Amino acid sequence: MKKSLLLVGGAILASVILSGCAGVSVNRGAPGAVFMGPNFYSEFSANSMITPYSGKYEIVKRDVKASAVLTSFFTCVNMGDISYATLKKAALAQAKGANELIEVKMDYKVNNIIGINKVTVEMTATAVKVK
């Protein structure tokens, strides 16, 4: 009897610890990683809003691309940075003299294989120099 209760209790505890939810919320086209579950350790950044630039500018380079990955192991350890600031910095590095992005397009993909979650964000934009 004690053995059965121990096995059932262990199974319930394992299912609670190993279950969780990962996904991407979207706010105005900008992805923000959402992780719910037993996050014993989390280290990630995510943007929640893209504010368009409406001032005067000069186009430096079209179709600059940047991508970032966030990986989660059983929603207990999350590693990566998919923030807009990180993607913007990578995109601007491709266009010398540019200091802002316009026409920003964000694509994201979430994969979950046996508790290992991977959020990939790809950004395409036009790099401009603000006047």
N, C-alpha and C. Protein backbone atom coordinates (compact mmCIF):
# COMPACT_ATOMS: atom_id res chain seq x y z
N MET A 1 0.82 -1.20 0.00
CA MET A 1 0.00 0.00 0.00
C MET A 1 0.86 1.25 0.00
N LYS A 2 1.89 1.27 0.88
CA LYS A 2 2.78 2.43 0.93
C LYS A 2 3.52 2.61 -0.39
N LYS A 3 3.90 1.47 -0.99
CA LYS A 3 4.61 1.52 -2.26
C LYS A 3 3.73 2.14 -3.36
N SER A 4 2.46 1.75 -3.40
CA SER A 4 1.52 2.28 -4.39
C SER A 4 1.31 3.77 -4.20
N LEU A 5 1.12 4.21 -2.95
CA LEU A 5 0.94 5.64 -2.69
C LEU A 5 2.19 6.43 -3.06
N LEU A 6 3.35 5.87 -2.80
CA LEU A 6 4.60 6.53 -3.14
C LEU A 6 4.73 6.66 -4.66
N LEU A 7 4.38 5.61 -5.39
CA LEU A 7 4.45 5.65 -6.86
C LEU A 7 3.45 6.66 -7.43
N VAL A 8 2.22 6.65 -6.92
CA VAL A 8 1.21 7.60 -7.40
C VAL A 8 1.64 9.03 -7.06
N GLY A 9 2.10 9.25 -5.85
CA GLY A 9 2.58 10.58 -5.45
C GLY A 9 3.75 11.04 -6.30
N GLY A 10 4.68 10.14 -6.57
CA GLY A 10 5.82 10.47 -7.43
C GLY A 10 5.40 10.78 -8.84
N ALA A 11 4.42 10.04 -9.37
CA ALA A 11 3.93 10.30 -10.72
C ALA A 11 3.24 11.66 -10.80
N ILE A 12 2.45 11.98 -9.80
CA ILE A 12 1.77 13.29 -9.78
C ILE A 12 2.80 14.41 -9.68
N LEU A 13 3.78 14.26 -8.80
CA LEU A 13 4.83 15.27 -8.64
C LEU A 13 5.62 15.45 -9.94
N ALA A 14 5.97 14.36 -10.60
CA ALA A 14 6.71 14.43 -11.86
C ALA A 14 5.89 15.13 -12.94
N SER A 15 4.59 14.83 -13.01
CA SER A 15 3.76 15.47 -14.03
C SER A 15 3.61 16.97 -13.78
N VAL A 16 3.56 17.37 -12.53
CA VAL A 16 3.47 18.80 -12.21
C VAL A 16 4.78 19.51 -12.53
N ILE A 17 5.89 18.89 -12.18
CA ILE A 17 7.19 19.52 -12.40
C ILE A 17 7.54 19.58 -13.88
N LEU A 18 7.24 18.53 -14.64
CA LEU A 18 7.64 18.47 -16.03
C LEU A 18 6.63 19.07 -17.00
N SER A 19 5.49 19.48 -16.51
CA SER A 19 4.52 20.09 -17.40
C SER A 19 4.65 21.60 -17.33
N GLY A 20 4.21 22.26 -18.35
CA GLY A 20 4.27 23.71 -18.41
C GLY A 20 3.69 24.16 -19.73
N CYS A 21 3.82 25.42 -20.00
CA CYS A 21 3.27 25.96 -21.22
C CYS A 21 4.23 27.00 -21.75
N ALA A 22 4.48 26.99 -23.03
CA ALA A 22 5.32 28.00 -23.65
C ALA A 22 4.63 28.45 -24.92
N GLY A 23 4.70 29.70 -25.19
CA GLY A 23 4.08 30.23 -26.39
C GLY A 23 4.56 31.63 -26.66
N VAL A 24 3.97 32.25 -27.64
CA VAL A 24 4.35 33.60 -28.01
C VAL A 24 3.09 34.46 -28.02
N SER A 25 3.10 35.52 -27.24
CA SER A 25 2.00 36.47 -27.31
C SER A 25 2.40 37.53 -28.32
N VAL A 26 1.43 38.14 -28.95
CA VAL A 26 1.72 39.13 -29.98
C VAL A 26 1.01 40.42 -29.64
N ASN A 27 1.75 41.52 -29.70
CA ASN A 27 1.20 42.84 -29.46
C ASN A 27 1.67 43.73 -30.60
N ARG A 28 0.78 44.10 -31.51
CA ARG A 28 1.10 44.92 -32.67
C ARG A 28 2.20 44.28 -33.52
N GLY A 29 2.15 42.98 -33.66
CA GLY A 29 3.11 42.28 -34.50
C GLY A 29 4.41 41.93 -33.83
N ALA A 30 4.64 42.37 -32.61
CA ALA A 30 5.90 42.10 -31.92
C ALA A 30 5.72 40.94 -30.96
N PRO A 31 6.57 39.91 -31.09
CA PRO A 31 6.42 38.74 -30.21
C PRO A 31 7.00 38.98 -28.83
N GLY A 32 6.37 38.39 -27.86
CA GLY A 32 6.89 38.40 -26.50
C GLY A 32 6.76 36.98 -25.96
N ALA A 33 7.84 36.41 -25.53
CA ALA A 33 7.81 35.01 -25.07
C ALA A 33 6.99 34.90 -23.79
N VAL A 34 6.17 33.87 -23.72
CA VAL A 34 5.36 33.61 -22.54
C VAL A 34 5.69 32.21 -22.06
N PHE A 35 6.14 32.10 -20.83
CA PHE A 35 6.45 30.80 -20.25
C PHE A 35 5.73 30.68 -18.92
N MET A 36 4.92 29.65 -18.80
CA MET A 36 4.22 29.40 -17.56
C MET A 36 4.58 28.00 -17.10
N GLY A 37 4.73 27.82 -15.86
CA GLY A 37 5.10 26.52 -15.33
C GLY A 37 6.14 26.70 -14.25
N PRO A 38 6.80 25.65 -13.88
CA PRO A 38 7.79 25.75 -12.80
C PRO A 38 9.10 26.36 -13.27
N ASN A 39 9.14 27.67 -13.40
CA ASN A 39 10.36 28.36 -13.83
C ASN A 39 11.30 28.52 -12.65
N PHE A 40 12.14 27.52 -12.43
CA PHE A 40 13.09 27.60 -11.33
C PHE A 40 14.17 28.62 -11.64
N TYR A 41 14.49 28.82 -12.90
CA TYR A 41 15.49 29.79 -13.32
C TYR A 41 15.08 30.33 -14.68
N SER A 42 15.01 31.62 -14.83
CA SER A 42 14.64 32.23 -16.11
C SER A 42 15.61 33.33 -16.44
N GLU A 43 16.05 33.35 -17.66
CA GLU A 43 16.90 34.44 -18.15
C GLU A 43 16.52 34.70 -19.59
N PHE A 44 15.58 35.62 -19.81
CA PHE A 44 15.20 35.96 -21.17
C PHE A 44 14.62 37.36 -21.21
N SER A 45 14.71 37.96 -22.36
CA SER A 45 14.12 39.27 -22.62
C SER A 45 13.24 39.15 -23.84
N ALA A 46 12.18 39.91 -23.90
CA ALA A 46 11.31 39.88 -25.06
C ALA A 46 10.63 41.23 -25.20
N ASN A 47 10.41 41.65 -26.42
CA ASN A 47 9.72 42.91 -26.63
C ASN A 47 8.22 42.69 -26.64
N SER A 48 7.51 43.75 -26.38
CA SER A 48 6.05 43.63 -26.40
C SER A 48 5.40 44.64 -27.34
N MET A 49 6.21 45.56 -27.88
CA MET A 49 5.61 46.58 -28.75
C MET A 49 6.67 47.17 -29.67
N ILE A 50 6.30 47.41 -30.91
CA ILE A 50 7.16 48.11 -31.86
C ILE A 50 6.51 49.46 -32.12
N THR A 51 7.25 50.51 -31.86
CA THR A 51 6.75 51.86 -32.12
C THR A 51 7.31 52.34 -33.46
N PRO A 52 6.47 52.63 -34.45
CA PRO A 52 6.98 53.07 -35.75
C PRO A 52 7.60 54.46 -35.68
N TYR A 53 8.60 54.69 -36.54
CA TYR A 53 9.25 56.01 -36.59
C TYR A 53 8.54 56.86 -37.62
N SER A 54 8.21 58.09 -37.26
CA SER A 54 7.42 58.93 -38.17
C SER A 54 8.15 60.22 -38.58
N GLY A 55 9.41 60.39 -38.20
CA GLY A 55 10.15 61.60 -38.57
C GLY A 55 10.77 61.49 -39.95
N LYS A 56 11.64 62.47 -40.29
CA LYS A 56 12.33 62.48 -41.58
C LYS A 56 13.55 61.58 -41.50
N TYR A 57 13.79 60.86 -42.59
CA TYR A 57 14.91 59.92 -42.61
C TYR A 57 15.40 59.71 -44.03
N GLU A 58 16.60 59.11 -44.12
CA GLU A 58 17.19 58.74 -45.40
C GLU A 58 17.42 57.22 -45.37
N ILE A 59 16.97 56.52 -46.40
CA ILE A 59 17.13 55.07 -46.43
C ILE A 59 18.59 54.71 -46.68
N VAL A 60 19.13 53.87 -45.81
CA VAL A 60 20.52 53.42 -45.92
C VAL A 60 20.57 52.04 -46.59
N LYS A 61 19.73 51.10 -46.14
CA LYS A 61 19.73 49.76 -46.70
C LYS A 61 18.38 49.10 -46.46
N ARG A 62 17.85 48.47 -47.49
CA ARG A 62 16.59 47.75 -47.36
C ARG A 62 16.85 46.28 -47.01
N ASP A 63 15.86 45.66 -46.43
CA ASP A 63 15.90 44.23 -46.10
C ASP A 63 17.09 43.81 -45.25
N VAL A 64 17.34 44.54 -44.18
CA VAL A 64 18.31 44.06 -43.19
C VAL A 64 17.60 42.99 -42.38
N LYS A 65 18.34 41.96 -42.02
CA LYS A 65 17.73 40.82 -41.31
C LYS A 65 18.46 40.54 -40.01
N ALA A 66 17.72 40.09 -39.04
CA ALA A 66 18.29 39.68 -37.76
C ALA A 66 17.43 38.55 -37.20
N SER A 67 18.05 37.66 -36.47
CA SER A 67 17.28 36.58 -35.84
C SER A 67 17.86 36.30 -34.46
N ALA A 68 17.02 35.74 -33.62
CA ALA A 68 17.41 35.40 -32.25
C ALA A 68 16.62 34.17 -31.81
N VAL A 69 17.19 33.46 -30.83
CA VAL A 69 16.58 32.22 -30.36
C VAL A 69 16.50 32.23 -28.84
N LEU A 70 15.39 31.76 -28.32
CA LEU A 70 15.21 31.54 -26.90
C LEU A 70 14.92 30.05 -26.72
N THR A 71 15.66 29.39 -25.85
CA THR A 71 15.49 27.95 -25.61
C THR A 71 15.06 27.72 -24.18
N SER A 72 14.12 26.81 -23.98
CA SER A 72 13.61 26.49 -22.66
C SER A 72 13.65 24.98 -22.46
N PHE A 73 14.18 24.55 -21.33
CA PHE A 73 14.24 23.14 -21.00
C PHE A 73 13.22 22.85 -19.91
N PHE A 74 12.14 22.18 -20.27
CA PHE A 74 11.06 21.81 -19.35
C PHE A 74 10.49 23.03 -18.61
N THR A 75 10.57 24.19 -19.21
CA THR A 75 10.16 25.49 -18.66
C THR A 75 10.81 25.77 -17.31
N CYS A 76 11.89 25.09 -17.00
CA CYS A 76 12.60 25.32 -15.74
C CYS A 76 13.82 26.20 -15.96
N VAL A 77 14.47 26.09 -17.09
CA VAL A 77 15.64 26.90 -17.42
C VAL A 77 15.40 27.51 -18.80
N ASN A 78 15.35 28.83 -18.87
CA ASN A 78 15.13 29.55 -20.12
C ASN A 78 16.37 30.36 -20.43
N MET A 79 16.90 30.21 -21.65
CA MET A 79 18.11 30.93 -22.04
C MET A 79 17.92 31.56 -23.41
N GLY A 80 18.33 32.80 -23.53
CA GLY A 80 18.28 33.47 -24.81
C GLY A 80 17.75 34.88 -24.67
N ASP A 81 17.83 35.62 -25.75
CA ASP A 81 17.37 37.00 -25.76
C ASP A 81 16.71 37.27 -27.11
N ILE A 82 15.40 37.42 -27.12
CA ILE A 82 14.68 37.72 -28.34
C ILE A 82 14.06 39.11 -28.27
N SER A 83 14.71 40.00 -27.54
CA SER A 83 14.17 41.35 -27.38
C SER A 83 14.34 42.16 -28.65
N TYR A 84 13.50 43.17 -28.81
CA TYR A 84 13.58 44.06 -29.96
C TYR A 84 14.92 44.79 -29.97
N ALA A 85 15.44 45.17 -28.81
CA ALA A 85 16.72 45.87 -28.73
C ALA A 85 17.86 45.01 -29.31
N THR A 86 17.87 43.73 -29.00
CA THR A 86 18.89 42.83 -29.53
C THR A 86 18.76 42.67 -31.04
N LEU A 87 17.55 42.47 -31.52
CA LEU A 87 17.33 42.34 -32.96
C LEU A 87 17.66 43.63 -33.70
N LYS A 88 17.29 44.76 -33.12
CA LYS A 88 17.58 46.06 -33.74
C LYS A 88 19.08 46.28 -33.86
N LYS A 89 19.81 45.99 -32.80
CA LYS A 89 21.27 46.16 -32.81
C LYS A 89 21.91 45.30 -33.90
N ALA A 90 21.48 44.06 -34.03
CA ALA A 90 22.02 43.16 -35.06
C ALA A 90 21.67 43.65 -36.46
N ALA A 91 20.46 44.15 -36.64
CA ALA A 91 20.05 44.65 -37.96
C ALA A 91 20.80 45.92 -38.34
N LEU A 92 20.97 46.85 -37.39
CA LEU A 92 21.67 48.10 -37.68
C LEU A 92 23.16 47.87 -37.95
N ALA A 93 23.72 46.79 -37.42
CA ALA A 93 25.13 46.48 -37.67
C ALA A 93 25.39 46.17 -39.14
N GLN A 94 24.35 45.82 -39.89
CA GLN A 94 24.48 45.50 -41.30
C GLN A 94 24.43 46.73 -42.20
N ALA A 95 24.07 47.88 -41.67
CA ALA A 95 23.91 49.09 -42.46
C ALA A 95 24.68 50.24 -41.80
N LYS A 96 25.91 50.46 -42.26
CA LYS A 96 26.77 51.48 -41.67
C LYS A 96 26.12 52.86 -41.81
N GLY A 97 26.04 53.57 -40.72
CA GLY A 97 25.47 54.92 -40.71
C GLY A 97 23.99 54.97 -40.35
N ALA A 98 23.33 53.84 -40.34
CA ALA A 98 21.90 53.80 -39.99
C ALA A 98 21.75 53.83 -38.48
N ASN A 99 20.67 54.47 -38.01
CA ASN A 99 20.43 54.54 -36.57
C ASN A 99 18.98 54.26 -36.18
N GLU A 100 18.15 53.85 -37.16
CA GLU A 100 16.75 53.54 -36.86
C GLU A 100 16.24 52.54 -37.89
N LEU A 101 15.16 51.84 -37.54
CA LEU A 101 14.53 50.88 -38.44
C LEU A 101 13.10 51.28 -38.73
N ILE A 102 12.69 51.08 -39.97
CA ILE A 102 11.29 51.28 -40.36
C ILE A 102 10.83 50.02 -41.09
N GLU A 103 9.54 49.94 -41.37
CA GLU A 103 8.95 48.79 -42.08
C GLU A 103 9.40 47.47 -41.45
N VAL A 104 9.30 47.38 -40.14
CA VAL A 104 9.76 46.20 -39.39
C VAL A 104 8.74 45.07 -39.51
N LYS A 105 9.24 43.90 -39.91
CA LYS A 105 8.41 42.70 -40.01
C LYS A 105 9.03 41.64 -39.10
N MET A 106 8.22 41.05 -38.23
CA MET A 106 8.69 40.04 -37.28
C MET A 106 8.01 38.71 -37.59
N ASP A 107 8.81 37.67 -37.72
CA ASP A 107 8.31 36.31 -37.88
C ASP A 107 8.81 35.49 -36.70
N TYR A 108 7.99 34.65 -36.16
CA TYR A 108 8.40 33.84 -35.02
C TYR A 108 7.89 32.42 -35.17
N LYS A 109 8.61 31.51 -34.54
CA LYS A 109 8.25 30.10 -34.60
C LYS A 109 8.53 29.48 -33.24
N VAL A 110 7.61 28.69 -32.74
CA VAL A 110 7.78 28.02 -31.46
C VAL A 110 7.81 26.51 -31.71
N ASN A 111 8.85 25.85 -31.24
CA ASN A 111 8.96 24.39 -31.32
C ASN A 111 9.01 23.83 -29.90
N ASN A 112 8.32 22.72 -29.68
CA ASN A 112 8.35 22.05 -28.39
C ASN A 112 8.50 20.56 -28.65
N ILE A 113 9.64 20.01 -28.23
CA ILE A 113 9.88 18.58 -28.40
C ILE A 113 10.22 18.01 -27.03
N ILE A 114 9.32 17.24 -26.48
CA ILE A 114 9.48 16.57 -25.19
C ILE A 114 9.96 17.54 -24.11
N GLY A 115 9.31 18.67 -24.02
CA GLY A 115 9.63 19.61 -22.95
C GLY A 115 10.73 20.59 -23.27
N ILE A 116 11.36 20.47 -24.43
CA ILE A 116 12.39 21.43 -24.82
C ILE A 116 11.76 22.39 -25.82
N ASN A 117 11.60 23.64 -25.40
CA ASN A 117 10.94 24.66 -26.20
C ASN A 117 11.98 25.55 -26.86
N LYS A 118 11.71 25.93 -28.10
CA LYS A 118 12.61 26.81 -28.83
C LYS A 118 11.76 27.88 -29.52
N VAL A 119 12.00 29.14 -29.19
CA VAL A 119 11.31 30.26 -29.81
C VAL A 119 12.32 30.97 -30.70
N THR A 120 12.03 31.02 -32.00
CA THR A 120 12.91 31.69 -32.96
C THR A 120 12.19 32.91 -33.50
N VAL A 121 12.86 34.06 -33.47
CA VAL A 121 12.30 35.30 -33.99
C VAL A 121 13.20 35.79 -35.11
N GLU A 122 12.59 36.09 -36.25
CA GLU A 122 13.33 36.64 -37.38
C GLU A 122 12.72 37.99 -37.74
N MET A 123 13.59 38.99 -37.89
CA MET A 123 13.14 40.34 -38.18
C MET A 123 13.72 40.80 -39.51
N THR A 124 12.89 41.42 -40.33
CA THR A 124 13.32 42.05 -41.57
C THR A 124 12.86 43.49 -41.51
N ALA A 125 13.74 44.43 -41.88
CA ALA A 125 13.39 45.85 -41.77
C ALA A 125 14.18 46.66 -42.79
N THR A 126 13.87 47.93 -42.86
CA THR A 126 14.63 48.89 -43.66
C THR A 126 15.41 49.77 -42.70
N ALA A 127 16.74 49.82 -42.90
CA ALA A 127 17.59 50.64 -42.03
C ALA A 127 17.66 52.06 -42.59
N VAL A 128 17.48 53.03 -41.70
CA VAL A 128 17.48 54.44 -42.13
C VAL A 128 18.37 55.27 -41.22
N LYS A 129 18.73 56.45 -41.72
CA LYS A 129 19.44 57.43 -40.92
C LYS A 129 18.48 58.58 -40.65
N VAL A 130 18.25 58.84 -39.39
CA VAL A 130 17.30 59.89 -39.00
C VAL A 130 17.95 61.25 -39.24
N LYS A 131 17.20 62.15 -39.88
CA LYS A 131 17.73 63.51 -40.16
C LYS A 131 17.41 64.45 -39.05
